[in-house]
């Protein structure tokens, strides 16, 4: 089996299963939640991307099968490039969709007051949510930030470990690890029209709450 055949077989198996899981989840929650809530779910908004990718894989397979022996190799190369180009263009969305199946939001039917899917940028997932006060989004080396150190005037590079949201007190916290030093830090996180802002935490209770919430989400 060559590269084309291996890729098509692997991708069709993976994304056919994902497409079934997503549609099964939608069928289960759709009768119980408002349409506006359903439209916010990342997997609902992007499920047809999976279908489109599967159609591309099937079309590529059929195109190769239709070619004679001497043209198959060229057809495989051409279709392989088309598949890889499409997947590269939509890589972030497809990877996030795979994370959806392990996310606490996937089969939730509650009216949500949290950021929910908006927290899951950069292939994250909601690892815990008490539906009352706290939700925690975690990331596995998929969310990186470049921040300026005001003391040294240099740029430092971080892996984002998690984002904790406290809707009771309208606060968000971002937990990060310095890629070069391994030092971990927690900061307030706020969203503005210009993007994200970060603030130093001076309140001990807030610091402990953010750390405890994140660590408990990993259990």
C-alpha atoms as a PDB file:
ATOM      1  CA  UNK A   1       0.000   0.000   0.000  1.00  0.00           C
ATOM      2  CA  UNK A   2       1.504   3.351  -1.061  1.00  0.00           C
ATOM      3  CA  UNK A   3       1.250   6.780   0.577  1.00  0.00           C
ATOM      4  CA  UNK A   4      -1.969   7.737  -1.220  1.00  0.00           C
ATOM      5  CA  UNK A   5      -3.785   4.514  -0.336  1.00  0.00           C
ATOM      6  CA  UNK A   6      -2.619   4.650   3.287  1.00  0.00           C
ATOM      7  CA  UNK A   7      -3.681   8.269   3.685  1.00  0.00           C
ATOM      8  CA  UNK A   8      -7.129   7.803   2.161  1.00  0.00           C
ATOM      9  CA  UNK A   9      -7.833   4.668   4.202  1.00  0.00           C
ATOM     10  CA  UNK A  10      -6.673   6.283   7.434  1.00  0.00           C
ATOM     11  CA  UNK A  11      -8.453   9.608   6.895  1.00  0.00           C
ATOM     12  CA  UNK A  12     -11.742   8.059   5.761  1.00  0.00           C
ATOM     13  CA  UNK A  13     -11.808   5.834   8.823  1.00  0.00           C
ATOM     14  CA  UNK A  14     -10.970   8.648  11.223  1.00  0.00           C
ATOM     15  CA  UNK A  15     -13.282  11.304   9.836  1.00  0.00           C
ATOM     16  CA  UNK A  16     -16.186   8.976   9.034  1.00  0.00           C
ATOM     17  CA  UNK A  17     -16.195   8.015  12.703  1.00  0.00           C
ATOM     18  CA  UNK A  18     -15.926  11.661  13.752  1.00  0.00           C
ATOM     19  CA  UNK A  19     -18.782  12.664  11.439  1.00  0.00           C
ATOM     20  CA  UNK A  20     -21.004   9.963  12.928  1.00  0.00           C
ATOM     21  CA  UNK A  21     -20.101  11.009  16.484  1.00  0.00           C
ATOM     22  CA  UNK A  22     -20.863  14.661  15.772  1.00  0.00           C
ATOM     23  CA  UNK A  23     -24.204  13.953  14.136  1.00  0.00           C
ATOM     24  CA  UNK A  24     -25.137  11.530  16.901  1.00  0.00           C
ATOM     25  CA  UNK A  25     -24.404  14.214  19.504  1.00  0.00           C
ATOM     26  CA  UNK A  26     -26.482  16.759  17.586  1.00  0.00           C
ATOM     27  CA  UNK A  27     -29.419  14.341  17.344  1.00  0.00           C
ATOM     28  CA  UNK A  28     -29.297  13.796  21.107  1.00  0.00           C
ATOM     29  CA  UNK A  29     -29.079  17.425  22.219  1.00  0.00           C
ATOM     30  CA  UNK A  30     -31.056  19.225  19.502  1.00  0.00           C
ATOM     31  CA  UNK A  31     -34.510  18.495  20.997  1.00  0.00           C
ATOM     32  CA  UNK A  32     -33.488  19.924  24.365  1.00  0.00           C
ATOM     33  CA  UNK A  33     -31.645  23.162  23.667  1.00  0.00           C
ATOM     34  CA  UNK A  34     -32.485  26.426  21.982  1.00  0.00           C
ATOM     35  CA  UNK A  35     -31.390  26.816  18.371  1.00  0.00           C
ATOM     36  CA  UNK A  36     -29.277  29.841  19.284  1.00  0.00           C
ATOM     37  CA  UNK A  37     -27.375  27.703  21.797  1.00  0.00           C
ATOM     38  CA  UNK A  38     -26.857  24.932  19.265  1.00  0.00           C
ATOM     39  CA  UNK A  39     -25.535  27.411  16.711  1.00  0.00           C
ATOM     40  CA  UNK A  40     -22.779  28.383  19.154  1.00  0.00           C
ATOM     41  CA  UNK A  41     -21.414  24.853  19.319  1.00  0.00           C
ATOM     42  CA  UNK A  42     -18.216  24.601  17.310  1.00  0.00           C
ATOM     43  CA  UNK A  43     -19.001  21.112  16.047  1.00  0.00           C
ATOM     44  CA  UNK A  44     -22.465  22.161  14.855  1.00  0.00           C
ATOM     45  CA  UNK A  45     -21.136  25.156  12.926  1.00  0.00           C
ATOM     46  CA  UNK A  46     -18.339  23.162  11.315  1.00  0.00           C
ATOM     47  CA  UNK A  47     -19.727  19.660  10.869  1.00  0.00           C
ATOM     48  CA  UNK A  48     -20.152  20.080   7.113  1.00  0.00           C
ATOM     49  CA  UNK A  49     -16.416  20.644   6.826  1.00  0.00           C
ATOM     50  CA  UNK A  50     -15.986  16.998   7.815  1.00  0.00           C
ATOM     51  CA  UNK A  51     -18.505  15.954   5.169  1.00  0.00           C
ATOM     52  CA  UNK A  52     -16.716  18.057   2.577  1.00  0.00           C
ATOM     53  CA  UNK A  53     -13.368  16.485   3.448  1.00  0.00           C
ATOM     54  CA  UNK A  54     -14.847  12.996   3.218  1.00  0.00           C
ATOM     55  CA  UNK A  55     -16.296  13.857  -0.197  1.00  0.00           C
ATOM     56  CA  UNK A  56     -12.859  15.012  -1.359  1.00  0.00           C
ATOM     57  CA  UNK A  57     -11.303  11.743  -0.178  1.00  0.00           C
ATOM     58  CA  UNK A  58     -13.979   9.683  -1.931  1.00  0.00           C
ATOM     59  CA  UNK A  59     -13.684  11.703  -5.144  1.00  0.00           C
ATOM     60  CA  UNK A  60      -9.904  11.273  -5.113  1.00  0.00           C
ATOM     61  CA  UNK A  61     -10.253   7.529  -4.616  1.00  0.00           C
ATOM     62  CA  UNK A  62     -12.739   7.238  -7.492  1.00  0.00           C
ATOM     63  CA  UNK A  63     -10.574   9.356  -9.772  1.00  0.00           C
ATOM     64  CA  UNK A  64      -7.576   7.085  -9.214  1.00  0.00           C
ATOM     65  CA  UNK A  65      -9.680   3.945  -9.691  1.00  0.00           C
ATOM     66  CA  UNK A  66     -10.947   5.253 -13.031  1.00  0.00           C
ATOM     67  CA  UNK A  67      -7.446   5.608 -14.455  1.00  0.00           C
ATOM     68  CA  UNK A  68      -5.579   2.973 -16.411  1.00  0.00           C
ATOM     69  CA  UNK A  69      -2.477   1.285 -15.015  1.00  0.00           C
ATOM     70  CA  UNK A  70       0.017   3.761 -16.481  1.00  0.00           C
ATOM     71  CA  UNK A  71      -1.915   6.830 -15.318  1.00  0.00           C
ATOM     72  CA  UNK A  72      -2.681   5.719 -11.760  1.00  0.00           C
ATOM     73  CA  UNK A  73       0.615   6.905 -10.299  1.00  0.00           C
ATOM     74  CA  UNK A  74       0.209  10.404 -11.732  1.00  0.00           C
ATOM     75  CA  UNK A  75      -3.428  10.544 -10.582  1.00  0.00           C
ATOM     76  CA  UNK A  76      -2.414   9.525  -7.074  1.00  0.00           C
ATOM     77  CA  UNK A  77       0.219  12.257  -6.920  1.00  0.00           C
ATOM     78  CA  UNK A  78      -2.244  14.886  -8.144  1.00  0.00           C
ATOM     79  CA  UNK A  79      -4.996  13.854  -5.749  1.00  0.00           C
ATOM     80  CA  UNK A  80      -2.584  13.494  -2.853  1.00  0.00           C
ATOM     81  CA  UNK A  81      -1.577  17.133  -3.296  1.00  0.00           C
ATOM     82  CA  UNK A  82      -5.243  18.190  -3.396  1.00  0.00           C
ATOM     83  CA  UNK A  83      -6.002  16.275  -0.189  1.00  0.00           C
ATOM     84  CA  UNK A  84      -2.953  17.606   1.632  1.00  0.00           C
ATOM     85  CA  UNK A  85      -3.707  21.156   0.479  1.00  0.00           C
ATOM     86  CA  UNK A  86      -7.298  20.980   1.737  1.00  0.00           C
ATOM     87  CA  UNK A  87      -6.295  19.481   5.058  1.00  0.00           C
ATOM     88  CA  UNK A  88      -3.521  22.028   5.545  1.00  0.00           C
ATOM     89  CA  UNK A  89      -5.933  24.884   4.828  1.00  0.00           C
ATOM     90  CA  UNK A  90      -8.472  23.540   7.333  1.00  0.00           C
ATOM     91  CA  UNK A  91      -6.072  21.857   9.745  1.00  0.00           C
ATOM     92  CA  UNK A  92      -6.934  23.955  12.796  1.00  0.00           C
ATOM     93  CA  UNK A  93     -10.685  23.426  12.403  1.00  0.00           C
ATOM     94  CA  UNK A  94     -10.368  19.689  11.788  1.00  0.00           C
ATOM     95  CA  UNK A  95      -8.102  19.224  14.817  1.00  0.00           C
ATOM     96  CA  UNK A  96     -10.462  21.221  17.025  1.00  0.00           C
ATOM     97  CA  UNK A  97     -13.407  19.135  15.810  1.00  0.00           C
ATOM     98  CA  UNK A  98     -11.575  16.012  16.965  1.00  0.00           C
ATOM     99  CA  UNK A  99     -11.174  17.620  20.391  1.00  0.00           C
ATOM    100  CA  UNK A 100     -14.920  18.291  20.544  1.00  0.00           C
ATOM    101  CA  UNK A 101     -15.744  14.657  21.233  1.00  0.00           C
ATOM    102  CA  UNK A 102     -13.758  14.814  24.511  1.00  0.00           C
ATOM    103  CA  UNK A 103     -15.126  18.224  25.502  1.00  0.00           C
ATOM    104  CA  UNK A 104     -17.638  18.710  28.321  1.00  0.00           C
ATOM    105  CA  UNK A 105     -19.745  20.842  25.968  1.00  0.00           C
ATOM    106  CA  UNK A 106     -20.195  18.028  23.444  1.00  0.00           C
ATOM    107  CA  UNK A 107     -23.356  16.519  24.902  1.00  0.00           C
ATOM    108  CA  UNK A 108     -24.360  19.283  27.333  1.00  0.00           C
ATOM    109  CA  UNK A 109     -27.990  20.446  27.143  1.00  0.00           C
ATOM    110  CA  UNK A 110     -27.771  23.311  29.655  1.00  0.00           C
ATOM    111  CA  UNK A 111     -28.298  26.939  28.684  1.00  0.00           C
ATOM    112  CA  UNK A 112     -24.690  28.061  28.828  1.00  0.00           C
ATOM    113  CA  UNK A 113     -23.443  31.283  30.393  1.00  0.00           C
ATOM    114  CA  UNK A 114     -19.779  30.385  29.922  1.00  0.00           C
ATOM    115  CA  UNK A 115     -17.527  31.162  26.966  1.00  0.00           C
ATOM    116  CA  UNK A 116     -17.815  27.455  26.094  1.00  0.00           C
ATOM    117  CA  UNK A 117     -16.624  26.952  22.500  1.00  0.00           C
ATOM    118  CA  UNK A 118     -15.069  30.415  22.394  1.00  0.00           C
ATOM    119  CA  UNK A 119     -12.565  29.141  24.984  1.00  0.00           C
ATOM    120  CA  UNK A 120     -11.500  26.288  22.742  1.00  0.00           C
ATOM    121  CA  UNK A 121      -9.408  28.265  20.308  1.00  0.00           C
ATOM    122  CA  UNK A 122      -6.198  26.578  19.231  1.00  0.00           C
ATOM    123  CA  UNK A 123      -7.479  23.017  19.602  1.00  0.00           C
ATOM    124  CA  UNK A 124      -8.480  23.237  23.236  1.00  0.00           C
ATOM    125  CA  UNK A 125     -11.336  21.579  25.072  1.00  0.00           C
ATOM    126  CA  UNK A 126     -13.409  22.199  28.180  1.00  0.00           C
ATOM    127  CA  UNK A 127     -12.010  19.677  30.650  1.00  0.00           C
ATOM    128  CA  UNK A 128     -14.321  20.545  33.533  1.00  0.00           C
ATOM    129  CA  UNK A 129     -17.449  22.623  34.108  1.00  0.00           C
ATOM    130  CA  UNK A 130     -19.633  22.778  37.200  1.00  0.00           C
ATOM    131  CA  UNK A 131     -22.353  24.652  35.220  1.00  0.00           C
ATOM    132  CA  UNK A 132     -22.650  27.155  38.072  1.00  0.00           C
ATOM    133  CA  UNK A 133     -19.390  29.044  38.505  1.00  0.00           C
ATOM    134  CA  UNK A 134     -16.297  27.461  36.997  1.00  0.00           C
ATOM    135  CA  UNK A 135     -15.220  26.080  33.647  1.00  0.00           C
ATOM    136  CA  UNK A 136     -11.692  25.147  32.600  1.00  0.00           C
ATOM    137  CA  UNK A 137     -10.350  24.907  29.065  1.00  0.00           C
ATOM    138  CA  UNK A 138      -7.075  23.026  28.641  1.00  0.00           C
ATOM    139  CA  UNK A 139      -4.561  22.870  25.805  1.00  0.00           C
ATOM    140  CA  UNK A 140      -1.958  20.268  24.927  1.00  0.00           C
ATOM    141  CA  UNK A 141       0.943  22.240  23.450  1.00  0.00           C
ATOM    142  CA  UNK A 142      -1.362  23.733  20.827  1.00  0.00           C
ATOM    143  CA  UNK A 143      -1.749  27.305  22.104  1.00  0.00           C
ATOM    144  CA  UNK A 144       1.336  29.508  22.218  1.00  0.00           C
ATOM    145  CA  UNK A 145       1.801  33.165  23.119  1.00  0.00           C
ATOM    146  CA  UNK A 146       4.622  35.657  22.636  1.00  0.00           C
ATOM    147  CA  UNK A 147       4.626  38.220  25.453  1.00  0.00           C
ATOM    148  CA  UNK A 148       6.878  41.159  26.151  1.00  0.00           C
ATOM    149  CA  UNK A 149       8.685  41.153  29.498  1.00  0.00           C
ATOM    150  CA  UNK A 150       8.454  44.761  30.660  1.00  0.00           C
ATOM    151  CA  UNK A 151      11.385  44.296  33.041  1.00  0.00           C
ATOM    152  CA  UNK A 152      13.843  43.069  30.415  1.00  0.00           C
ATOM    153  CA  UNK A 153      12.117  44.540  27.346  1.00  0.00           C
ATOM    154  CA  UNK A 154      12.498  41.136  25.658  1.00  0.00           C
ATOM    155  CA  UNK A 155       9.966  38.761  24.106  1.00  0.00           C
ATOM    156  CA  UNK A 156       9.230  35.538  25.986  1.00  0.00           C
ATOM    157  CA  UNK A 157       7.455  32.494  24.605  1.00  0.00           C
ATOM    158  CA  UNK A 158       4.752  30.574  26.441  1.00  0.00           C
ATOM    159  CA  UNK A 159       2.635  27.462  26.148  1.00  0.00           C
ATOM    160  CA  UNK A 160      -0.891  28.141  27.370  1.00  0.00           C
ATOM    161  CA  UNK A 161      -1.882  25.364  29.763  1.00  0.00           C
ATOM    162  CA  UNK A 162      -5.432  26.415  30.491  1.00  0.00           C
ATOM    163  CA  UNK A 163      -8.049  29.134  30.793  1.00  0.00           C
ATOM    164  CA  UNK A 164     -10.239  29.264  33.899  1.00  0.00           C
ATOM    165  CA  UNK A 165     -13.520  31.166  33.777  1.00  0.00           C
ATOM    166  CA  UNK A 166     -15.375  32.307  36.903  1.00  0.00           C
ATOM    167  CA  UNK A 167     -18.808  33.569  35.848  1.00  0.00           C
ATOM    168  CA  UNK A 168     -19.841  34.274  39.449  1.00  0.00           C
ATOM    169  CA  UNK A 169     -17.204  37.007  39.729  1.00  0.00           C
ATOM    170  CA  UNK A 170     -16.859  37.717  36.002  1.00  0.00           C
ATOM    171  CA  UNK A 171     -13.172  36.820  35.883  1.00  0.00           C
ATOM    172  CA  UNK A 172     -10.930  34.805  33.622  1.00  0.00           C
ATOM    173  CA  UNK A 173      -7.470  33.450  34.319  1.00  0.00           C
ATOM    174  CA  UNK A 174      -4.828  32.198  31.916  1.00  0.00           C
ATOM    175  CA  UNK A 175      -2.214  29.672  33.035  1.00  0.00           C
ATOM    176  CA  UNK A 176       1.020  29.541  31.067  1.00  0.00           C
ATOM    177  CA  UNK A 177       4.432  27.899  31.039  1.00  0.00           C
ATOM    178  CA  UNK A 178       7.555  29.641  29.792  1.00  0.00           C
ATOM    179  CA  UNK A 179       8.892  27.506  26.942  1.00  0.00           C
ATOM    180  CA  UNK A 180      12.533  28.344  27.680  1.00  0.00           C
ATOM    181  CA  UNK A 181      12.616  28.287  31.491  1.00  0.00           C
ATOM    182  CA  UNK A 182       9.675  26.029  32.370  1.00  0.00           C
ATOM    183  CA  UNK A 183       8.420  28.657  34.824  1.00  0.00           C
ATOM    184  CA  UNK A 184       4.651  28.620  35.257  1.00  0.00           C
ATOM    185  CA  UNK A 185       2.557  31.727  35.743  1.00  0.00           C
ATOM    186  CA  UNK A 186      -1.079  32.753  36.182  1.00  0.00           C
ATOM    187  CA  UNK A 187      -2.559  36.042  35.010  1.00  0.00           C
ATOM    188  CA  UNK A 188      -5.931  37.678  34.669  1.00  0.00           C
ATOM    189  CA  UNK A 189      -7.289  37.419  31.135  1.00  0.00           C
ATOM    190  CA  UNK A 190      -9.658  39.893  29.520  1.00  0.00           C
ATOM    191  CA  UNK A 191     -10.949  40.270  25.986  1.00  0.00           C
ATOM    192  CA  UNK A 192     -10.988  43.664  24.289  1.00  0.00           C
ATOM    193  CA  UNK A 193     -11.654  44.974  20.810  1.00  0.00           C
ATOM    194  CA  UNK A 194      -7.894  44.928  20.249  1.00  0.00           C
ATOM    195  CA  UNK A 195      -7.512  41.321  21.391  1.00  0.00           C
ATOM    196  CA  UNK A 196      -6.457  39.806  24.703  1.00  0.00           C
ATOM    197  CA  UNK A 197      -5.137  41.703  27.710  1.00  0.00           C
ATOM    198  CA  UNK A 198      -3.268  40.190  30.643  1.00  0.00           C
ATOM    199  CA  UNK A 199      -3.055  41.457  34.199  1.00  0.00           C
ATOM    200  CA  UNK A 200      -0.995  40.590  37.254  1.00  0.00           C
ATOM    201  CA  UNK A 201      -2.825  38.757  40.057  1.00  0.00           C
ATOM    202  CA  UNK A 202      -2.247  40.325  43.468  1.00  0.00           C
ATOM    203  CA  UNK A 203      -5.231  38.711  45.197  1.00  0.00           C
ATOM    204  CA  UNK A 204      -4.184  35.455  46.884  1.00  0.00           C
ATOM    205  CA  UNK A 205      -7.687  33.982  46.790  1.00  0.00           C
ATOM    206  CA  UNK A 206      -7.951  34.552  43.049  1.00  0.00           C
ATOM    207  CA  UNK A 207      -4.545  32.962  42.504  1.00  0.00           C
ATOM    208  CA  UNK A 208      -5.432  29.885  44.562  1.00  0.00           C
ATOM    209  CA  UNK A 209      -8.833  29.590  42.884  1.00  0.00           C
ATOM    210  CA  UNK A 210      -7.282  29.603  39.409  1.00  0.00           C
ATOM    211  CA  UNK A 211      -4.614  27.043  40.325  1.00  0.00           C
ATOM    212  CA  UNK A 212      -7.023  24.736  42.163  1.00  0.00           C
ATOM    213  CA  UNK A 213      -9.596  24.882  39.360  1.00  0.00           C
ATOM    214  CA  UNK A 214      -6.992  24.025  36.735  1.00  0.00           C
ATOM    215  CA  UNK A 215      -5.415  21.197  38.732  1.00  0.00           C
ATOM    216  CA  UNK A 216      -8.816  19.687  39.583  1.00  0.00           C
ATOM    217  CA  UNK A 217      -9.711  19.645  35.881  1.00  0.00           C
ATOM    218  CA  UNK A 218      -6.764  17.320  35.251  1.00  0.00           C
ATOM    219  CA  UNK A 219      -7.892  14.689  37.759  1.00  0.00           C
END
